[in-house]
Amino acid sequence: MNILYLHGLKSTLKEKKRRILENYGNVFAPDIDYSKEHIQPLQILQNYPDIEINVIIGSSMGALNGYIISDWIGRPALLFNPPLSKHPENINLPKEKFTRVASSKQILLGGKDDVVDPKETLAFLSDHLQEDELELKIYPGLGHRIPLELFEEQVSHFFSKLCY
């Protein structure tokens, strides 16, 4: 199992979260500079030309890129507080070179997120519902940061639904 983890703006994958993910497979976590360009799905995947990515996990800006990559390559995604309202209307990606499968998504939103407005994300999702499976969880008291225990719980739930 190859896991692509995409961190958020001005962040990195912390060691404790990496260890949780390593229980499920090989973790590929590029350092991404979002300061000049927020949307980078092609650049991210070009880091791994010979790796078959099985799942995408992302947080914040990484979750937005993860959403786009999941749709493009047809892989399941676990997304924490994705700013989907920033999704470009006409993203121009080349034809897929991947074998597509269902790109189900598990999305977790913090109801008290003061960085990514959960209402904007919900509005985007209501306007862009697809045929792919979507599991949406809103934690009313949660802000933008994902506590380690919640991260571990959501990762475990996400992988329990996959047939790998």
C-alpha atoms as a PDB file:
ATOM      1  CA  MET A   1       0.000   0.000   0.000  1.00  0.00           C
ATOM      2  CA  ASN A   2       1.439   3.360  -1.054  1.00  0.00           C
ATOM      3  CA  ILE A   3       0.096   6.355   0.838  1.00  0.00           C
ATOM      4  CA  LEU A   4       0.540   9.891  -0.481  1.00  0.00           C
ATOM      5  CA  TYR A   5       0.356  12.319   2.448  1.00  0.00           C
ATOM      6  CA  LEU A   6       0.019  16.014   1.634  1.00  0.00           C
ATOM      7  CA  HIS A   7       0.657  18.489   4.464  1.00  0.00           C
ATOM      8  CA  GLY A   8      -0.971  21.876   4.809  1.00  0.00           C
ATOM      9  CA  LEU A   9       0.316  25.382   4.252  1.00  0.00           C
ATOM     10  CA  LYS A  10       3.496  26.094   6.261  1.00  0.00           C
ATOM     11  CA  SER A  11       3.404  22.605   7.762  1.00  0.00           C
ATOM     12  CA  THR A  12       5.008  19.167   7.518  1.00  0.00           C
ATOM     13  CA  LEU A  13       4.086  15.599   8.367  1.00  0.00           C
ATOM     14  CA  LYS A  14       4.897  15.217  12.052  1.00  0.00           C
ATOM     15  CA  GLU A  15       6.760  12.073  13.137  1.00  0.00           C
ATOM     16  CA  LYS A  16       3.935  10.746  15.342  1.00  0.00           C
ATOM     17  CA  LYS A  17       1.446  11.000  12.482  1.00  0.00           C
ATOM     18  CA  ARG A  18       3.970   9.408  10.094  1.00  0.00           C
ATOM     19  CA  ARG A  19       4.274   6.413  12.431  1.00  0.00           C
ATOM     20  CA  ILE A  20       0.491   6.014  12.480  1.00  0.00           C
ATOM     21  CA  LEU A  21       0.400   6.016   8.679  1.00  0.00           C
ATOM     22  CA  GLU A  22       3.328   3.587   8.417  1.00  0.00           C
ATOM     23  CA  ASN A  23       1.128   0.975  10.111  1.00  0.00           C
ATOM     24  CA  TYR A  24      -0.835   0.885   6.843  1.00  0.00           C
ATOM     25  CA  GLY A  25       1.850   1.132   4.184  1.00  0.00           C
ATOM     26  CA  ASN A  26       4.687   3.096   2.595  1.00  0.00           C
ATOM     27  CA  VAL A  27       4.339   6.823   3.210  1.00  0.00           C
ATOM     28  CA  PHE A  28       5.306   9.362   0.559  1.00  0.00           C
ATOM     29  CA  ALA A  29       5.155  12.879   1.984  1.00  0.00           C
ATOM     30  CA  PRO A  30       6.709  15.564  -0.209  1.00  0.00           C
ATOM     31  CA  ASP A  31       7.698  18.938   1.203  1.00  0.00           C
ATOM     32  CA  ILE A  32       5.460  21.340  -0.688  1.00  0.00           C
ATOM     33  CA  ASP A  33       5.911  25.095  -0.934  1.00  0.00           C
ATOM     34  CA  TYR A  34       2.393  26.475  -1.395  1.00  0.00           C
ATOM     35  CA  SER A  35       3.484  30.111  -1.087  1.00  0.00           C
ATOM     36  CA  LYS A  36       3.583  30.770  -4.842  1.00  0.00           C
ATOM     37  CA  GLU A  37       1.041  28.241  -6.045  1.00  0.00           C
ATOM     38  CA  HIS A  38      -1.673  26.576  -3.983  1.00  0.00           C
ATOM     39  CA  ILE A  39      -2.855  24.074  -6.601  1.00  0.00           C
ATOM     40  CA  GLN A  40      -0.034  21.654  -7.540  1.00  0.00           C
ATOM     41  CA  PRO A  41      -1.419  18.177  -8.339  1.00  0.00           C
ATOM     42  CA  LEU A  42       0.822  17.626 -11.363  1.00  0.00           C
ATOM     43  CA  GLN A  43       3.970  18.814  -9.610  1.00  0.00           C
ATOM     44  CA  ILE A  44       3.185  16.628  -6.606  1.00  0.00           C
ATOM     45  CA  LEU A  45       2.682  13.469  -8.668  1.00  0.00           C
ATOM     46  CA  GLN A  46       5.762  14.176 -10.792  1.00  0.00           C
ATOM     47  CA  ASN A  47       7.790  13.485  -7.638  1.00  0.00           C
ATOM     48  CA  TYR A  48       6.712   9.827  -7.903  1.00  0.00           C
ATOM     49  CA  PRO A  49       6.747   8.812 -11.574  1.00  0.00           C
ATOM     50  CA  ASP A  50       7.223   5.093 -10.863  1.00  0.00           C
ATOM     51  CA  ILE A  51       5.077   4.782  -7.720  1.00  0.00           C
ATOM     52  CA  GLU A  52       1.499   3.500  -7.853  1.00  0.00           C
ATOM     53  CA  ILE A  53      -0.315   5.674  -5.309  1.00  0.00           C
ATOM     54  CA  ASN A  54      -3.113   3.689  -3.613  1.00  0.00           C
ATOM     55  CA  VAL A  55      -4.596   6.332  -1.301  1.00  0.00           C
ATOM     56  CA  ILE A  56      -4.243  10.047  -0.654  1.00  0.00           C
ATOM     57  CA  ILE A  57      -4.392  11.667   2.768  1.00  0.00           C
ATOM     58  CA  GLY A  58      -4.189  15.415   3.135  1.00  0.00           C
ATOM     59  CA  SER A  59      -4.689  18.258   5.547  1.00  0.00           C
ATOM     60  CA  SER A  60      -5.880  21.766   4.703  1.00  0.00           C
ATOM     61  CA  MET A  61      -4.142  22.923   1.487  1.00  0.00           C
ATOM     62  CA  GLY A  62      -2.799  19.383   1.105  1.00  0.00           C
ATOM     63  CA  ALA A  63      -6.386  18.134   1.361  1.00  0.00           C
ATOM     64  CA  LEU A  64      -7.425  20.428  -1.486  1.00  0.00           C
ATOM     65  CA  ASN A  65      -4.634  19.034  -3.649  1.00  0.00           C
ATOM     66  CA  GLY A  66      -5.526  15.548  -2.406  1.00  0.00           C
ATOM     67  CA  TYR A  67      -9.142  16.046  -3.495  1.00  0.00           C
ATOM     68  CA  ILE A  68      -8.007  17.007  -7.003  1.00  0.00           C
ATOM     69  CA  ILE A  69      -5.504  14.132  -7.222  1.00  0.00           C
ATOM     70  CA  SER A  70      -8.077  11.642  -5.916  1.00  0.00           C
ATOM     71  CA  ASP A  71     -10.515  12.662  -8.655  1.00  0.00           C
ATOM     72  CA  TRP A  72      -7.822  12.666 -11.314  1.00  0.00           C
ATOM     73  CA  ILE A  73      -6.222   9.291 -10.609  1.00  0.00           C
ATOM     74  CA  GLY A  74      -9.305   7.627  -9.141  1.00  0.00           C
ATOM     75  CA  ARG A  75      -7.996   6.745  -5.706  1.00  0.00           C
ATOM     76  CA  PRO A  76      -9.668   7.005  -2.287  1.00  0.00           C
ATOM     77  CA  ALA A  77      -8.828   9.986  -0.101  1.00  0.00           C
ATOM     78  CA  LEU A  78      -8.994  10.984   3.554  1.00  0.00           C
ATOM     79  CA  LEU A  79      -9.160  14.763   3.745  1.00  0.00           C
ATOM     80  CA  PHE A  80      -8.926  16.946   6.852  1.00  0.00           C
ATOM     81  CA  ASN A  81     -10.394  20.472   6.557  1.00  0.00           C
ATOM     82  CA  PRO A  82      -9.968  20.859   2.787  1.00  0.00           C
ATOM     83  CA  PRO A  83     -10.517  24.433   1.511  1.00  0.00           C
ATOM     84  CA  LEU A  84     -12.583  23.155  -1.410  1.00  0.00           C
ATOM     85  CA  SER A  85     -14.026  26.589  -2.121  1.00  0.00           C
ATOM     86  CA  LYS A  86     -10.552  27.399  -3.499  1.00  0.00           C
ATOM     87  CA  HIS A  87     -10.890  24.578  -6.075  1.00  0.00           C
ATOM     88  CA  PRO A  88     -10.295  26.065  -9.533  1.00  0.00           C
ATOM     89  CA  GLU A  89     -13.282  25.832 -11.876  1.00  0.00           C
ATOM     90  CA  ASN A  90     -11.303  24.685 -14.897  1.00  0.00           C
ATOM     91  CA  ILE A  91      -8.259  22.769 -13.761  1.00  0.00           C
ATOM     92  CA  ASN A  92      -6.441  21.485 -16.819  1.00  0.00           C
ATOM     93  CA  LEU A  93      -4.915  18.086 -16.072  1.00  0.00           C
ATOM     94  CA  PRO A  94      -3.593  15.734 -18.751  1.00  0.00           C
ATOM     95  CA  LYS A  95      -5.416  12.507 -19.546  1.00  0.00           C
ATOM     96  CA  GLU A  96      -5.031   9.996 -16.745  1.00  0.00           C
ATOM     97  CA  LYS A  97      -2.194   7.532 -17.119  1.00  0.00           C
ATOM     98  CA  PHE A  98      -3.571   5.522 -14.213  1.00  0.00           C
ATOM     99  CA  THR A  99      -6.073   2.720 -13.927  1.00  0.00           C
ATOM    100  CA  ARG A 100      -9.033   4.473 -12.320  1.00  0.00           C
ATOM    101  CA  VAL A 101     -11.039   2.942  -9.500  1.00  0.00           C
ATOM    102  CA  ALA A 102     -13.692   4.528  -7.299  1.00  0.00           C
ATOM    103  CA  SER A 103     -12.320   7.680  -5.719  1.00  0.00           C
ATOM    104  CA  SER A 104     -14.318   7.572  -2.508  1.00  0.00           C
ATOM    105  CA  LYS A 105     -13.620  10.349  -0.070  1.00  0.00           C
ATOM    106  CA  GLN A 106     -13.774  10.636   3.697  1.00  0.00           C
ATOM    107  CA  ILE A 107     -13.813  14.297   4.707  1.00  0.00           C
ATOM    108  CA  LEU A 108     -13.520  15.634   8.236  1.00  0.00           C
ATOM    109  CA  LEU A 109     -14.402  19.262   9.004  1.00  0.00           C
ATOM    110  CA  GLY A 110     -13.935  21.261  12.153  1.00  0.00           C
ATOM    111  CA  GLY A 111     -17.058  23.226  12.983  1.00  0.00           C
ATOM    112  CA  LYS A 112     -14.955  25.930  14.669  1.00  0.00           C
ATOM    113  CA  ASP A 113     -12.243  26.043  12.007  1.00  0.00           C
ATOM    114  CA  ASP A 114     -11.157  29.686  11.705  1.00  0.00           C
ATOM    115  CA  VAL A 115      -8.766  28.977   8.805  1.00  0.00           C
ATOM    116  CA  VAL A 116     -10.996  26.977   6.427  1.00  0.00           C
ATOM    117  CA  ASP A 117     -14.664  27.929   6.723  1.00  0.00           C
ATOM    118  CA  PRO A 118     -16.601  24.657   6.929  1.00  0.00           C
ATOM    119  CA  LYS A 119     -19.703  26.355   5.469  1.00  0.00           C
ATOM    120  CA  GLU A 120     -17.780  27.179   2.287  1.00  0.00           C
ATOM    121  CA  THR A 121     -16.578  23.581   2.022  1.00  0.00           C
ATOM    122  CA  LEU A 122     -20.128  22.293   2.491  1.00  0.00           C
ATOM    123  CA  ALA A 123     -21.384  24.708  -0.180  1.00  0.00           C
ATOM    124  CA  PHE A 124     -18.737  23.442  -2.605  1.00  0.00           C
ATOM    125  CA  LEU A 125     -19.663  19.822  -1.888  1.00  0.00           C
ATOM    126  CA  SER A 126     -23.370  20.498  -2.389  1.00  0.00           C
ATOM    127  CA  ASP A 127     -22.643  22.061  -5.793  1.00  0.00           C
ATOM    128  CA  HIS A 128     -20.178  19.358  -6.896  1.00  0.00           C
ATOM    129  CA  LEU A 129     -21.626  16.083  -5.694  1.00  0.00           C
ATOM    130  CA  GLN A 130     -20.299  13.215  -7.756  1.00  0.00           C
ATOM    131  CA  GLU A 131     -21.122   9.570  -8.148  1.00  0.00           C
ATOM    132  CA  ASP A 132     -18.181   8.613  -5.941  1.00  0.00           C
ATOM    133  CA  GLU A 133     -18.856   7.699  -2.327  1.00  0.00           C
ATOM    134  CA  LEU A 134     -18.516  10.533   0.177  1.00  0.00           C
ATOM    135  CA  GLU A 135     -18.368  10.207   3.946  1.00  0.00           C
ATOM    136  CA  LEU A 136     -18.539  13.566   5.669  1.00  0.00           C
ATOM    137  CA  LYS A 137     -17.973  14.171   9.372  1.00  0.00           C
ATOM    138  CA  ILE A 138     -18.302  17.508  11.094  1.00  0.00           C
ATOM    139  CA  TYR A 139     -16.919  17.897  14.593  1.00  0.00           C
ATOM    140  CA  PRO A 140     -18.715  20.982  16.026  1.00  0.00           C
ATOM    141  CA  GLY A 141     -16.026  21.868  18.607  1.00  0.00           C
ATOM    142  CA  LEU A 142     -13.008  21.160  16.391  1.00  0.00           C
ATOM    143  CA  GLY A 143     -10.811  23.937  15.018  1.00  0.00           C
ATOM    144  CA  HIS A 144      -8.312  23.692  12.179  1.00  0.00           C
ATOM    145  CA  ARG A 145      -5.680  21.543  13.903  1.00  0.00           C
ATOM    146  CA  ILE A 146      -6.311  17.802  14.043  1.00  0.00           C
ATOM    147  CA  PRO A 147      -5.360  16.262  17.404  1.00  0.00           C
ATOM    148  CA  LEU A 148      -3.254  13.114  17.202  1.00  0.00           C
ATOM    149  CA  GLU A 149      -5.967  10.902  18.718  1.00  0.00           C
ATOM    150  CA  LEU A 150      -8.573  12.080  16.198  1.00  0.00           C
ATOM    151  CA  PHE A 151      -6.077  11.665  13.339  1.00  0.00           C
ATOM    152  CA  GLU A 152      -5.378   8.093  14.435  1.00  0.00           C
ATOM    153  CA  GLU A 153      -9.092   7.313  14.801  1.00  0.00           C
ATOM    154  CA  GLN A 154      -9.939   8.688  11.349  1.00  0.00           C
ATOM    155  CA  VAL A 155      -7.006   6.945   9.652  1.00  0.00           C
ATOM    156  CA  SER A 156      -8.041   3.642  11.241  1.00  0.00           C
ATOM    157  CA  HIS A 157     -11.655   4.116  10.112  1.00  0.00           C
ATOM    158  CA  PHE A 158     -10.535   5.089   6.590  1.00  0.00           C
ATOM    159  CA  PHE A 159      -8.353   2.014   6.133  1.00  0.00           C
ATOM    160  CA  SER A 160     -10.947  -0.302   7.665  1.00  0.00           C
ATOM    161  CA  LYS A 161     -13.236   0.485   4.707  1.00  0.00           C
ATOM    162  CA  LEU A 162     -10.651  -0.327   2.026  1.00  0.00           C
ATOM    163  CA  CYS A 163     -10.171  -3.772   0.516  1.00  0.00           C
ATOM    164  CA  TYR A 164      -6.393  -3.764   0.056  1.00  0.00           C
END
